[in-house]
């Protein structure tokens, strides 16, 4: 009788090696779920609570001067100036202005001074939750937070937060602190000219000043001041009041 042949059983791979892909997948999905949950909580809290500090403030070596002020106590000229200078379609879009982004890309491709196409909503998302500077990662996070604040906060809250966290001078944050710094009075009584000059400072607050401005800042501030009346007349601030 022929001896029975013995088959060699395949060696099982260690359980640890089989589970690595699953572990990585669980970690990735867990990290994504955790980030989504944390971001939702952040946005929901700041829907009602004043933003206490931002990354920009935290790393500002010039100190922090700020005074949170409800939108109801900020002169309407200021919100109108912000719309005129930064985002004329603020009340019309849902966080992103495709036309402004496309125009900015075309201008930048031609060279010269780099200009962005960010809306007030995008700037608010960046200022509150993220850091300054570019990069695709930050832009992606900015887009996510923009979607959230548009959905959870609404336009009025977005403008209120924007006008309170935007840098208005060296170590100065918010239009209330900016108005006191430059004009020696509260933001509850800003003329179109004062509001226009404050809005002109917002893109480069460390290099521009709203008091006795010169050059581009003066011209831009005057142009914004003139457009404040257009914003009021055309109802471009209708989502706020």
Protein backbone atom coordinates (compact mmCIF):
# COMPACT_ATOMS: atom_id res chain seq x y z
CA UNK A 1 0.00 0.00 0.00
CA UNK A 2 1.42 3.38 -1.10
CA UNK A 3 2.17 5.72 1.67
CA UNK A 4 -0.36 8.47 1.93
CA UNK A 5 0.91 11.81 0.73
CA UNK A 6 0.88 14.58 3.23
CA UNK A 7 -0.18 18.01 2.15
CA UNK A 8 1.47 20.98 3.59
CA UNK A 9 -1.02 23.33 5.12
CA UNK A 10 -0.49 26.94 4.17
CA UNK A 11 0.90 28.96 6.97
CA UNK A 12 -1.53 31.48 8.28
CA UNK A 13 -0.34 35.09 8.22
CA UNK A 14 -0.08 36.66 11.64
CA UNK A 15 -3.27 38.33 12.74
CA UNK A 16 -1.43 41.60 13.21
CA UNK A 17 -0.37 41.79 9.54
CA UNK A 18 -3.91 41.01 8.35
CA UNK A 19 -5.38 43.78 10.50
CA UNK A 20 -3.06 46.65 9.48
CA UNK A 21 -5.22 47.87 6.54
CA UNK A 22 -8.31 47.66 8.70
CA UNK A 23 -6.58 49.51 11.52
CA UNK A 24 -5.44 52.27 9.18
CA UNK A 25 -8.93 52.58 7.70
CA UNK A 26 -10.48 52.75 11.17
CA UNK A 27 -7.95 55.40 12.21
CA UNK A 28 -8.61 57.51 9.12
CA UNK A 29 -12.38 57.32 9.47
CA UNK A 30 -12.09 57.96 13.19
CA UNK A 31 -9.94 61.04 12.61
CA UNK A 32 -12.39 62.38 10.01
CA UNK A 33 -15.37 61.73 12.26
CA UNK A 34 -13.61 63.39 15.19
CA UNK A 35 -12.72 66.47 13.16
CA UNK A 36 -16.26 66.82 11.83
CA UNK A 37 -17.70 66.48 15.33
CA UNK A 38 -15.27 69.00 16.85
CA UNK A 39 -15.82 71.53 14.05
CA UNK A 40 -19.58 71.27 14.42
CA UNK A 41 -19.32 71.87 18.17
CA UNK A 42 -17.01 74.85 17.62
CA UNK A 43 -19.32 76.48 15.11
CA UNK A 44 -22.42 75.81 17.19
CA UNK A 45 -20.86 77.34 20.33
CA UNK A 46 -19.70 80.47 18.52
CA UNK A 47 -23.19 80.87 17.12
CA UNK A 48 -24.08 82.24 20.56
CA UNK A 49 -20.82 82.93 22.42
CA UNK A 50 -18.39 85.76 21.56
CA UNK A 51 -15.13 84.45 20.10
CA UNK A 52 -12.63 84.87 22.97
CA UNK A 53 -9.39 84.55 20.99
CA UNK A 54 -8.08 83.44 17.61
CA UNK A 55 -4.79 82.00 16.40
CA UNK A 56 -3.89 85.38 14.91
CA UNK A 57 -4.43 87.08 18.27
CA UNK A 58 -2.65 84.33 20.15
CA UNK A 59 0.56 84.75 18.18
CA UNK A 60 0.43 88.53 17.90
CA UNK A 61 3.59 89.84 19.58
CA UNK A 62 2.08 93.33 19.74
CA UNK A 63 -0.53 92.34 22.31
CA UNK A 64 -4.30 92.33 21.92
CA UNK A 65 -6.71 95.24 22.16
CA UNK A 66 -10.33 94.28 21.49
CA UNK A 67 -13.85 94.90 22.72
CA UNK A 68 -16.60 92.57 21.53
CA UNK A 69 -19.56 94.62 20.34
CA UNK A 70 -22.92 93.28 19.10
CA UNK A 71 -23.84 94.17 15.54
CA UNK A 72 -26.79 96.17 16.87
CA UNK A 73 -24.30 98.56 18.50
CA UNK A 74 -22.10 98.97 15.42
CA UNK A 75 -23.06 101.74 13.03
CA UNK A 76 -24.66 100.37 9.88
CA UNK A 77 -22.16 102.36 7.85
CA UNK A 78 -19.46 99.92 9.00
CA UNK A 79 -21.19 96.78 7.74
CA UNK A 80 -22.02 98.58 4.52
CA UNK A 81 -18.40 99.64 4.13
CA UNK A 82 -17.24 96.06 4.67
CA UNK A 83 -19.65 94.88 1.97
CA UNK A 84 -18.59 97.68 -0.37
CA UNK A 85 -14.89 97.05 0.13
CA UNK A 86 -14.68 93.30 0.60
CA UNK A 87 -17.73 91.46 -0.69
CA UNK A 88 -20.47 93.26 -2.63
CA UNK A 89 -22.44 90.01 -3.06
CA UNK A 90 -22.33 89.10 0.64
CA UNK A 91 -26.11 88.87 0.96
CA UNK A 92 -26.49 87.01 -2.33
CA UNK A 93 -23.99 84.15 -2.22
CA UNK A 94 -23.82 81.09 0.04
CA UNK A 95 -20.24 81.58 1.17
CA UNK A 96 -18.35 81.60 -2.13
CA UNK A 97 -18.33 84.06 -5.01
CA UNK A 98 -17.24 82.06 -8.06
CA UNK A 99 -17.01 85.15 -10.26
CA UNK A 100 -14.76 86.99 -7.79
CA UNK A 101 -12.49 83.95 -7.44
CA UNK A 102 -12.21 83.60 -11.22
CA UNK A 103 -11.45 87.31 -11.66
CA UNK A 104 -8.80 87.17 -8.92
CA UNK A 105 -7.12 84.19 -10.60
CA UNK A 106 -7.04 86.03 -13.93
CA UNK A 107 -5.56 89.18 -12.36
CA UNK A 108 -2.95 87.21 -10.46
CA UNK A 109 -1.98 85.30 -13.60
CA UNK A 110 -1.16 88.61 -15.26
CA UNK A 111 1.26 89.45 -12.43
CA UNK A 112 1.47 92.45 -10.15
CA UNK A 113 -0.08 92.75 -6.71
CA UNK A 114 -1.66 89.47 -5.61
CA UNK A 115 -5.38 89.76 -4.95
CA UNK A 116 -7.71 87.25 -3.38
CA UNK A 117 -11.31 86.43 -4.17
CA UNK A 118 -12.34 85.49 -0.65
CA UNK A 119 -15.76 86.48 0.60
CA UNK A 120 -16.45 87.90 4.06
CA UNK A 121 -17.71 84.43 5.02
CA UNK A 122 -14.40 82.83 3.98
CA UNK A 123 -12.38 85.48 5.78
CA UNK A 124 -14.44 84.99 8.92
CA UNK A 125 -13.94 81.21 8.80
CA UNK A 126 -10.19 81.71 8.42
CA UNK A 127 -9.91 84.39 11.11
CA UNK A 128 -11.90 82.48 13.72
CA UNK A 129 -10.89 78.85 13.25
CA UNK A 130 -7.63 78.78 11.29
CA UNK A 131 -4.32 80.48 10.77
CA UNK A 132 -3.07 83.15 8.38
CA UNK A 133 -1.15 82.23 5.26
CA UNK A 134 -1.92 80.10 2.24
CA UNK A 135 -1.64 76.45 1.38
CA UNK A 136 -4.13 73.98 0.00
CA UNK A 137 -4.74 72.33 3.37
CA UNK A 138 -5.77 75.59 4.97
CA UNK A 139 -7.89 76.51 1.96
CA UNK A 140 -9.71 73.18 2.20
CA UNK A 141 -10.39 73.68 5.90
CA UNK A 142 -11.48 77.25 5.21
CA UNK A 143 -14.03 75.98 2.67
CA UNK A 144 -15.40 73.45 5.16
CA UNK A 145 -15.79 76.02 7.94
CA UNK A 146 -17.33 78.48 5.48
CA UNK A 147 -20.03 75.95 4.63
CA UNK A 148 -20.68 75.37 8.33
CA UNK A 149 -20.99 79.01 9.38
CA UNK A 150 -23.21 79.80 6.41
CA UNK A 151 -25.52 76.95 7.43
CA UNK A 152 -25.42 77.40 11.23
CA UNK A 153 -24.70 81.10 11.84
CA UNK A 154 -26.40 82.91 9.01
CA UNK A 155 -25.36 86.22 7.46
CA UNK A 156 -26.03 88.51 10.42
CA UNK A 157 -23.90 86.46 12.81
CA UNK A 158 -21.14 86.09 10.23
CA UNK A 159 -20.93 89.87 9.82
CA UNK A 160 -21.05 90.38 13.59
CA UNK A 161 -18.16 87.99 14.16
CA UNK A 162 -16.19 89.37 11.21
CA UNK A 163 -16.40 92.94 12.50
CA UNK A 164 -15.25 91.79 15.94
CA UNK A 165 -12.28 89.58 15.06
CA UNK A 166 -10.85 91.28 11.98
CA UNK A 167 -7.51 92.97 12.63
CA UNK A 168 -7.94 96.75 12.33
CA UNK A 169 -4.45 97.84 13.34
CA UNK A 170 -1.26 96.66 14.99
CA UNK A 171 -2.43 94.64 17.98
CA UNK A 172 -5.98 95.94 17.46
CA UNK A 173 -8.93 93.66 16.70
CA UNK A 174 -12.51 94.50 15.85
CA UNK A 175 -14.08 97.72 14.66
CA UNK A 176 -14.90 98.94 18.16
CA UNK A 177 -11.25 98.95 19.18
CA UNK A 178 -10.33 100.31 15.75
CA UNK A 179 -12.80 103.19 15.98
CA UNK A 180 -11.49 104.17 19.40
CA UNK A 181 -7.90 103.89 18.21
CA UNK A 182 -8.33 106.01 15.10
CA UNK A 183 -11.31 108.28 15.79
CA UNK A 184 -11.52 108.43 19.61
CA UNK A 185 -15.15 107.32 19.72
CA UNK A 186 -17.20 104.13 19.66
CA UNK A 187 -18.14 102.22 16.53
CA UNK A 188 -21.82 103.02 17.17
CA UNK A 189 -21.44 106.35 15.35
CA UNK A 190 -19.21 106.03 12.33
CA UNK A 191 -19.53 108.35 9.37
CA UNK A 192 -19.31 106.82 5.88
CA UNK A 193 -15.80 108.28 5.58
CA UNK A 194 -14.65 106.76 8.88
CA UNK A 195 -16.21 103.40 8.05
CA UNK A 196 -14.68 103.49 4.58
CA UNK A 197 -11.21 104.13 5.96
CA UNK A 198 -11.56 101.34 8.52
CA UNK A 199 -12.66 98.97 5.74
CA UNK A 200 -9.67 100.04 3.63
CA UNK A 201 -7.36 99.00 6.48
CA UNK A 202 -8.74 95.45 6.80
CA UNK A 203 -6.72 93.72 4.05
CA UNK A 204 -3.35 94.95 5.42
CA UNK A 205 -3.91 96.18 8.99
CA UNK A 206 -0.22 96.15 9.93
CA UNK A 207 0.75 98.35 6.99
CA UNK A 208 -2.23 100.70 6.77
CA UNK A 209 -3.78 103.20 9.14
CA UNK A 210 -7.25 104.77 9.05
CA UNK A 211 -6.08 108.06 10.54
CA UNK A 212 -4.56 110.50 8.02
CA UNK A 213 -4.15 107.78 5.37
CA UNK A 214 -2.08 108.42 2.28
CA UNK A 215 -1.71 106.93 -1.18
CA UNK A 216 -3.71 103.83 -1.98
CA UNK A 217 -5.29 103.60 1.48
CA UNK A 218 -6.69 107.12 1.17
CA UNK A 219 -8.01 106.59 -2.35
CA UNK A 220 -9.46 103.18 -1.53
CA UNK A 221 -11.05 104.44 1.68
CA UNK A 222 -12.65 107.37 -0.15
CA UNK A 223 -13.97 105.03 -2.86
CA UNK A 224 -15.49 102.70 -0.24
CA UNK A 225 -17.06 105.68 1.54
CA UNK A 226 -18.79 106.67 -1.70
CA UNK A 227 -20.04 103.12 -2.25
CA UNK A 228 -21.59 102.97 1.24
CA UNK A 229 -24.56 104.92 -0.11
CA UNK A 230 -24.87 102.52 -3.05
CA UNK A 231 -24.98 99.54 -0.69
CA UNK A 232 -27.77 101.22 1.28
CA UNK A 233 -29.69 102.34 -1.81
CA UNK A 234 -29.51 98.97 -3.58
CA UNK A 235 -30.28 96.95 -0.44
CA UNK A 236 -27.02 95.01 -0.61
CA UNK A 237 -27.13 94.81 3.19
CA UNK A 238 -30.73 93.54 3.32
CA UNK A 239 -29.70 90.26 4.96
CA UNK A 240 -28.40 92.17 7.99
CA UNK A 241 -31.20 94.63 8.83
